[in-house]
PDB file of N, CA and C in Angstrom:
ATOM      1  N   MET A   1       3.948 -12.521 -68.128  1.00  0.00           N
ATOM      2  CA  MET A   1       4.786 -12.515 -69.305  1.00  0.00           C
ATOM      3  C   MET A   1       5.423 -13.893 -69.452  1.00  0.00           C
ATOM      4  N   ARG A   2       5.416 -14.421 -70.651  1.00  0.00           N
ATOM      5  CA  ARG A   2       5.998 -15.743 -70.876  1.00  0.00           C
ATOM      6  C   ARG A   2       7.488 -15.623 -71.193  1.00  0.00           C
ATOM      7  N   ALA A   3       8.226 -16.651 -70.866  1.00  0.00           N
ATOM      8  CA  ALA A   3       9.662 -16.682 -71.149  1.00  0.00           C
ATOM      9  C   ALA A   3       9.877 -16.985 -72.633  1.00  0.00           C
ATOM     10  N   ILE A   4      10.873 -16.370 -73.200  1.00  0.00           N
ATOM     11  CA  ILE A   4      11.234 -16.587 -74.599  1.00  0.00           C
ATOM     12  C   ILE A   4      12.551 -17.365 -74.624  1.00  0.00           C
ATOM     13  N   ASP A   5      12.552 -18.506 -75.284  1.00  0.00           N
ATOM     14  CA  ASP A   5      13.761 -19.324 -75.393  1.00  0.00           C
ATOM     15  C   ASP A   5      14.614 -18.797 -76.541  1.00  0.00           C
ATOM     16  N   LEU A   6      15.775 -18.245 -76.214  1.00  0.00           N
ATOM     17  CA  LEU A   6      16.676 -17.706 -77.230  1.00  0.00           C
ATOM     18  C   LEU A   6      17.879 -18.614 -77.480  1.00  0.00           C
ATOM     19  N   SER A   7      17.833 -19.830 -76.946  1.00  0.00           N
ATOM     20  CA  SER A   7      18.989 -20.719 -77.044  1.00  0.00           C
ATOM     21  C   SER A   7      19.272 -21.194 -78.466  1.00  0.00           C
ATOM     22  N   THR A   8      18.297 -21.127 -79.355  1.00  0.00           N
ATOM     23  CA  THR A   8      18.511 -21.621 -80.713  1.00  0.00           C
ATOM     24  C   THR A   8      18.507 -20.517 -81.770  1.00  0.00           C
ATOM     25  N   VAL A   9      18.410 -19.266 -81.364  1.00  0.00           N
ATOM     26  CA  VAL A   9      18.379 -18.181 -82.356  1.00  0.00           C
ATOM     27  C   VAL A   9      19.770 -17.965 -82.941  1.00  0.00           C
ATOM     28  N   THR A  10      19.802 -17.396 -84.117  1.00  0.00           N
ATOM     29  CA  THR A  10      21.051 -17.058 -84.780  1.00  0.00           C
ATOM     30  C   THR A  10      21.336 -15.581 -84.561  1.00  0.00           C
ATOM     31  N   TRP A  11      22.447 -15.303 -83.927  1.00  0.00           N
ATOM     32  CA  TRP A  11      22.839 -13.925 -83.622  1.00  0.00           C
ATOM     33  C   TRP A  11      23.767 -13.404 -84.715  1.00  0.00           C
ATOM     34  N   ARG A  12      23.653 -12.105 -85.005  1.00  0.00           N
ATOM     35  CA  ARG A  12      24.577 -11.452 -85.933  1.00  0.00           C
ATOM     36  C   ARG A  12      24.956 -10.100 -85.352  1.00  0.00           C
ATOM     37  N   LYS A  13      26.158  -9.652 -85.672  1.00  0.00           N
ATOM     38  CA  LYS A  13      26.595  -8.343 -85.193  1.00  0.00           C
ATOM     39  C   LYS A  13      25.821  -7.270 -85.945  1.00  0.00           C
ATOM     40  N   SER A  14      25.296  -6.318 -85.224  1.00  0.00           N
ATOM     41  CA  SER A  14      24.570  -5.217 -85.828  1.00  0.00           C
ATOM     42  C   SER A  14      25.494  -4.412 -86.730  1.00  0.00           C
ATOM     43  N   SER A  15      24.960  -3.959 -87.847  1.00  0.00           N
ATOM     44  CA  SER A  15      25.759  -3.126 -88.756  1.00  0.00           C
ATOM     45  C   SER A  15      26.107  -1.783 -88.124  1.00  0.00           C
ATOM     46  N   TYR A  16      25.451  -1.432 -87.026  1.00  0.00           N
ATOM     47  CA  TYR A  16      25.739  -0.177 -86.334  1.00  0.00           C
ATOM     48  C   TYR A  16      26.774  -0.346 -85.227  1.00  0.00           C
ATOM     49  N   SER A  17      27.304  -1.552 -85.073  1.00  0.00           N
ATOM     50  CA  SER A  17      28.316  -1.793 -84.046  1.00  0.00           C
ATOM     51  C   SER A  17      29.665  -1.241 -84.487  1.00  0.00           C
ATOM     52  N   ASN A  18      30.478  -0.965 -83.515  1.00  0.00           N
ATOM     53  CA  ASN A  18      31.837  -0.510 -83.759  1.00  0.00           C
ATOM     54  C   ASN A  18      32.633  -1.686 -84.319  1.00  0.00           C
ATOM     55  N   GLN A  19      33.264  -1.522 -85.444  1.00  0.00           N
ATOM     56  CA  GLN A  19      33.949  -2.626 -86.120  1.00  0.00           C
ATOM     57  C   GLN A  19      35.321  -2.961 -85.534  1.00  0.00           C
ATOM     58  N   ASP A  20      35.831  -2.183 -84.587  1.00  0.00           N
ATOM     59  CA  ASP A  20      37.165  -2.464 -84.033  1.00  0.00           C
ATOM     60  C   ASP A  20      37.110  -3.249 -82.726  1.00  0.00           C
ATOM     61  N   GLY A  21      35.975  -3.877 -82.427  1.00  0.00           N
ATOM     62  CA  GLY A  21      35.881  -4.745 -81.257  1.00  0.00           C
ATOM     63  C   GLY A  21      35.209  -4.134 -80.051  1.00  0.00           C
ATOM     64  N   GLY A  22      34.947  -2.862 -80.059  1.00  0.00           N
ATOM     65  CA  GLY A  22      34.239  -2.229 -78.948  1.00  0.00           C
ATOM     66  C   GLY A  22      32.786  -1.988 -79.305  1.00  0.00           C
ATOM     67  N   ASN A  23      31.975  -1.691 -78.325  1.00  0.00           N
ATOM     68  CA  ASN A  23      30.569  -1.321 -78.539  1.00  0.00           C
ATOM     69  C   ASN A  23      29.855  -2.221 -79.535  1.00  0.00           C
ATOM     70  N   CYS A  24      29.821  -3.510 -79.272  1.00  0.00           N
ATOM     71  CA  CYS A  24      29.226  -4.458 -80.220  1.00  0.00           C
ATOM     72  C   CYS A  24      27.853  -4.938 -79.758  1.00  0.00           C
ATOM     73  N   LEU A  25      26.888  -4.722 -80.612  1.00  0.00           N
ATOM     74  CA  LEU A  25      25.541  -5.235 -80.397  1.00  0.00           C
ATOM     75  C   LEU A  25      25.319  -6.404 -81.327  1.00  0.00           C
ATOM     76  N   GLU A  26      24.623  -7.420 -80.827  1.00  0.00           N
ATOM     77  CA  GLU A  26      24.183  -8.515 -81.663  1.00  0.00           C
ATOM     78  C   GLU A  26      22.664  -8.527 -81.651  1.00  0.00           C
ATOM     79  N   VAL A  27      22.087  -8.850 -82.802  1.00  0.00           N
ATOM     80  CA  VAL A  27      20.639  -8.952 -82.916  1.00  0.00           C
ATOM     81  C   VAL A  27      20.292 -10.301 -83.518  1.00  0.00           C
ATOM     82  N   ALA A  28      19.093 -10.758 -83.238  1.00  0.00           N
ATOM     83  CA  ALA A  28      18.580 -11.993 -83.833  1.00  0.00           C
ATOM     84  C   ALA A  28      17.340 -11.631 -84.638  1.00  0.00           C
ATOM     85  N   ASP A  29      17.341 -12.002 -85.900  1.00  0.00           N
ATOM     86  CA  ASP A  29      16.242 -11.633 -86.799  1.00  0.00           C
ATOM     87  C   ASP A  29      15.160 -12.687 -86.918  1.00  0.00           C
ATOM     88  N   ASN A  30      15.380 -13.869 -86.363  1.00  0.00           N
ATOM     89  CA  ASN A  30      14.474 -14.984 -86.622  1.00  0.00           C
ATOM     90  C   ASN A  30      13.512 -15.285 -85.471  1.00  0.00           C
ATOM     91  N   VAL A  31      13.100 -14.252 -84.736  1.00  0.00           N
ATOM     92  CA  VAL A  31      12.117 -14.413 -83.662  1.00  0.00           C
ATOM     93  C   VAL A  31      10.861 -13.647 -84.090  1.00  0.00           C
ATOM     94  N   PRO A  32       9.747 -14.336 -84.317  1.00  0.00           N
ATOM     95  CA  PRO A  32       8.535 -13.661 -84.809  1.00  0.00           C
ATOM     96  C   PRO A  32       8.100 -12.494 -83.922  1.00  0.00           C
ATOM     97  N   SER A  33       7.943 -11.339 -84.520  1.00  0.00           N
ATOM     98  CA  SER A  33       7.431 -10.091 -83.927  1.00  0.00           C
ATOM     99  C   SER A  33       8.323  -9.479 -82.859  1.00  0.00           C
ATOM    100  N   LEU A  34       9.483 -10.072 -82.594  1.00  0.00           N
ATOM    101  CA  LEU A  34      10.418  -9.519 -81.598  1.00  0.00           C
ATOM    102  C   LEU A  34      11.815  -9.406 -82.191  1.00  0.00           C
ATOM    103  N   VAL A  35      12.594  -8.477 -81.649  1.00  0.00           N
ATOM    104  CA  VAL A  35      14.004  -8.355 -82.016  1.00  0.00           C
ATOM    105  C   VAL A  35      14.821  -8.423 -80.733  1.00  0.00           C
ATOM    106  N   PRO A  36      15.474  -9.565 -80.478  1.00  0.00           N
ATOM    107  CA  PRO A  36      16.365  -9.665 -79.321  1.00  0.00           C
ATOM    108  C   PRO A  36      17.678  -8.938 -79.610  1.00  0.00           C
ATOM    109  N   VAL A  37      18.189  -8.232 -78.617  1.00  0.00           N
ATOM    110  CA  VAL A  37      19.439  -7.481 -78.742  1.00  0.00           C
ATOM    111  C   VAL A  37      20.285  -7.798 -77.521  1.00  0.00           C
ATOM    112  N   ARG A  38      21.579  -8.065 -77.737  1.00  0.00           N
ATOM    113  CA  ARG A  38      22.467  -8.360 -76.616  1.00  0.00           C
ATOM    114  C   ARG A  38      23.849  -7.754 -76.851  1.00  0.00           C
ATOM    115  N   ASP A  39      24.617  -7.691 -75.791  1.00  0.00           N
ATOM    116  CA  ASP A  39      26.002  -7.231 -75.842  1.00  0.00           C
ATOM    117  C   ASP A  39      26.864  -8.417 -76.250  1.00  0.00           C
ATOM    118  N   SER A  40      27.577  -8.304 -77.363  1.00  0.00           N
ATOM    119  CA  SER A  40      28.370  -9.435 -77.844  1.00  0.00           C
ATOM    120  C   SER A  40      29.522  -9.792 -76.915  1.00  0.00           C
ATOM    121  N   LYS A  41      29.947  -8.850 -76.090  1.00  0.00           N
ATOM    122  CA  LYS A  41      31.041  -9.117 -75.156  1.00  0.00           C
ATOM    123  C   LYS A  41      30.544  -9.807 -73.887  1.00  0.00           C
ATOM    124  N   ALA A  42      29.232  -9.831 -73.670  1.00  0.00           N
ATOM    125  CA  ALA A  42      28.670 -10.445 -72.462  1.00  0.00           C
ATOM    126  C   ALA A  42      27.352 -11.147 -72.790  1.00  0.00           C
ATOM    127  N   PRO A  43      27.372 -12.118 -73.697  1.00  0.00           N
ATOM    128  CA  PRO A  43      26.121 -12.759 -74.112  1.00  0.00           C
ATOM    129  C   PRO A  43      25.390 -13.481 -72.992  1.00  0.00           C
ATOM    130  N   SER A  44      26.107 -13.917 -71.979  1.00  0.00           N
ATOM    131  CA  SER A  44      25.452 -14.622 -70.877  1.00  0.00           C
ATOM    132  C   SER A  44      24.648 -13.683 -69.982  1.00  0.00           C
ATOM    133  N   GLN A  45      24.803 -12.390 -70.173  1.00  0.00           N
ATOM    134  CA  GLN A  45      24.058 -11.406 -69.387  1.00  0.00           C
ATOM    135  C   GLN A  45      22.599 -11.298 -69.830  1.00  0.00           C
ATOM    136  N   GLY A  46      22.257 -11.947 -70.930  1.00  0.00           N
ATOM    137  CA  GLY A  46      20.877 -11.909 -71.403  1.00  0.00           C
ATOM    138  C   GLY A  46      20.682 -10.948 -72.549  1.00  0.00           C
ATOM    139  N   ALA A  47      19.444 -10.789 -72.941  1.00  0.00           N
ATOM    140  CA  ALA A  47      19.100  -9.947 -74.082  1.00  0.00           C
ATOM    141  C   ALA A  47      17.914  -9.062 -73.733  1.00  0.00           C
ATOM    142  N   LEU A  48      17.846  -7.938 -74.400  1.00  0.00           N
ATOM    143  CA  LEU A  48      16.656  -7.088 -74.338  1.00  0.00           C
ATOM    144  C   LEU A  48      15.782  -7.470 -75.515  1.00  0.00           C
ATOM    145  N   LEU A  49      14.474  -7.513 -75.295  1.00  0.00           N
ATOM    146  CA  LEU A  49      13.537  -7.852 -76.355  1.00  0.00           C
ATOM    147  C   LEU A  49      12.736  -6.618 -76.733  1.00  0.00           C
ATOM    148  N   PHE A  50      12.747  -6.293 -78.005  1.00  0.00           N
ATOM    149  CA  PHE A  50      11.995  -5.158 -78.521  1.00  0.00           C
ATOM    150  C   PHE A  50      10.927  -5.663 -79.467  1.00  0.00           C
ATOM    151  N   GLU A  51       9.757  -5.044 -79.436  1.00  0.00           N
ATOM    152  CA  GLU A  51       8.768  -5.338 -80.460  1.00  0.00           C
ATOM    153  C   GLU A  51       9.355  -4.881 -81.781  1.00  0.00           C
ATOM    154  N   ALA A  52       9.060  -5.608 -82.851  1.00  0.00           N
ATOM    155  CA  ALA A  52       9.665  -5.319 -84.148  1.00  0.00           C
ATOM    156  C   ALA A  52       9.423  -3.870 -84.588  1.00  0.00           C
ATOM    157  N   GLY A  53       8.231  -3.364 -84.365  1.00  0.00           N
ATOM    158  CA  GLY A  53       7.923  -1.982 -84.752  1.00  0.00           C
ATOM    159  C   GLY A  53       8.739  -0.960 -83.978  1.00  0.00           C
ATOM    160  N   ALA A  54       8.928  -1.212 -82.693  1.00  0.00           N
ATOM    161  CA  ALA A  54       9.719  -0.303 -81.860  1.00  0.00           C
ATOM    162  C   ALA A  54      11.184  -0.327 -82.293  1.00  0.00           C
ATOM    163  N   TRP A  55      11.702  -1.519 -82.590  1.00  0.00           N
ATOM    164  CA  TRP A  55      13.096  -1.629 -83.046  1.00  0.00           C
ATOM    165  C   TRP A  55      13.265  -0.909 -84.387  1.00  0.00           C
ATOM    166  N   GLY A  56      12.293  -1.087 -85.289  1.00  0.00           N
ATOM    167  CA  GLY A  56      12.353  -0.398 -86.576  1.00  0.00           C
ATOM    168  C   GLY A  56      12.370   1.115 -86.423  1.00  0.00           C
ATOM    169  N   ALA A  57      11.559   1.633 -85.507  1.00  0.00           N
ATOM    170  CA  ALA A  57      11.538   3.077 -85.256  1.00  0.00           C
ATOM    171  C   ALA A  57      12.879   3.544 -84.696  1.00  0.00           C
ATOM    172  N   PHE A  58      13.469   2.749 -83.814  1.00  0.00           N
ATOM    173  CA  PHE A  58      14.777   3.091 -83.254  1.00  0.00           C
ATOM    174  C   PHE A  58      15.837   3.139 -84.361  1.00  0.00           C
ATOM    175  N   VAL A  59      15.878   2.115 -85.203  1.00  0.00           N
ATOM    176  CA  VAL A  59      16.872   2.072 -86.285  1.00  0.00           C
ATOM    177  C   VAL A  59      16.666   3.240 -87.242  1.00  0.00           C
ATOM    178  N   ASP A  60      15.412   3.550 -87.571  1.00  0.00           N
ATOM    179  CA  ASP A  60      15.143   4.699 -88.438  1.00  0.00           C
ATOM    180  C   ASP A  60      15.665   5.982 -87.812  1.00  0.00           C
ATOM    181  N   GLY A  61      15.472   6.141 -86.499  1.00  0.00           N
ATOM    182  CA  GLY A  61      15.972   7.323 -85.795  1.00  0.00           C
ATOM    183  C   GLY A  61      17.488   7.405 -85.824  1.00  0.00           C
ATOM    184  N   VAL A  62      18.148   6.281 -85.670  1.00  0.00           N
ATOM    185  CA  VAL A  62      19.621   6.252 -85.726  1.00  0.00           C
ATOM    186  C   VAL A  62      20.084   6.662 -87.127  1.00  0.00           C
ATOM    187  N   LYS A  63      19.409   6.157 -88.137  1.00  0.00           N
ATOM    188  CA  LYS A  63      19.772   6.501 -89.518  1.00  0.00           C
ATOM    189  C   LYS A  63      19.597   7.996 -89.756  1.00  0.00           C
ATOM    190  N   ARG A  64      18.470   8.557 -89.324  1.00  0.00           N
ATOM    191  CA  ARG A  64      18.210   9.994 -89.517  1.00  0.00           C
ATOM    192  C   ARG A  64      19.244  10.830 -88.768  1.00  0.00           C
ATOM    193  N   GLU A  65      19.551  10.455 -87.544  1.00  0.00           N
ATOM    194  CA  GLU A  65      20.522  11.207 -86.735  1.00  0.00           C
ATOM    195  C   GLU A  65      21.897  11.144 -87.376  1.00  0.00           C
ATOM    196  N   GLY A  66      22.257  10.002 -87.930  1.00  0.00           N
ATOM    197  CA  GLY A  66      23.556   9.856 -88.579  1.00  0.00           C
ATOM    198  C   GLY A  66      23.699  10.761 -89.782  1.00  0.00           C
ATOM    199  N   LEU A  67      22.604  11.028 -90.471  1.00  0.00           N
ATOM    200  CA  LEU A  67      22.647  11.913 -91.631  1.00  0.00           C
ATOM    201  C   LEU A  67      22.858  13.364 -91.222  1.00  0.00           C
ATOM    202  N   ARG A  68      22.530  13.710 -89.999  1.00  0.00           N
ATOM    203  CA  ARG A  68      22.674  15.100 -89.537  1.00  0.00           C
ATOM    204  C   ARG A  68      24.098  15.438 -89.092  1.00  0.00           C
ATOM    205  N   ARG A  69      24.922  14.453 -88.922  1.00  0.00           N
ATOM    206  CA  ARG A  69      26.277  14.689 -88.413  1.00  0.00           C
ATOM    207  C   ARG A  69      27.232  15.014 -89.504  1.00  0.00           C
TER     208      ARG A  69
END
């Protein structure tokens, strides 16, 4: 597996993050075919990398589950 350099990506807080400062996820949209995700409170801990299709399926599932509540 090759290393992915994330030092120049632009991070944004996920719209699904808690807006009062807790439970904050950041995602980077500008990495071809991958979606890096990290904890905004501990960015030096690294990021998880998801294939774009897998991340899309996860977000769709979160949206569907939210509608059931």
